[in-house]
Amino acid sequence: MGGSATHGNTVAREEGNVTAADRTWFALAGGTIRDGHAGMMIPLPAHSEEAPMAVARVTKITSSSKKGFEDAVKTGLKRAADTVRGITGLEIISQKAKVENGKISEYRVTMEVTFILE
């Protein structure tokens, strides 16, 4: 049974229970996610009365390239940045390749792009 427990300014979660939304929130708040022996240890950010609150949105996009996976990521990010302001990060969800005649003809990535709402 999964769950979380708070210890000071750290939340301990079993590895399977850290969602993309958790990762986004902690990244926006300046936290980090690292592997721990008993699961995931996620330091919580220090709370301040003066700290502005931000709301983020995560959107999923797919991009392709004939050059490679890295180029597919860069192409997707560049295209997203043409229409979306305030991009703060991305997470690669999957990598796939189209194969023709036994050779890779196209590299494809699906990613979640995080941006701050204005």
Foldseek 3Di string as FASTA:
>chain_A
DWDWDDDPQKIFTAAVPCDPVNVVVLVVLVWDWDADPRHIIIGHHDDDPPDDDWDKDKDKDKFKDQPDDVVRVVVVVVVCVVPDPAWDDKDWPDWDFDDDPRHTRMIMTMMIIMGTDD
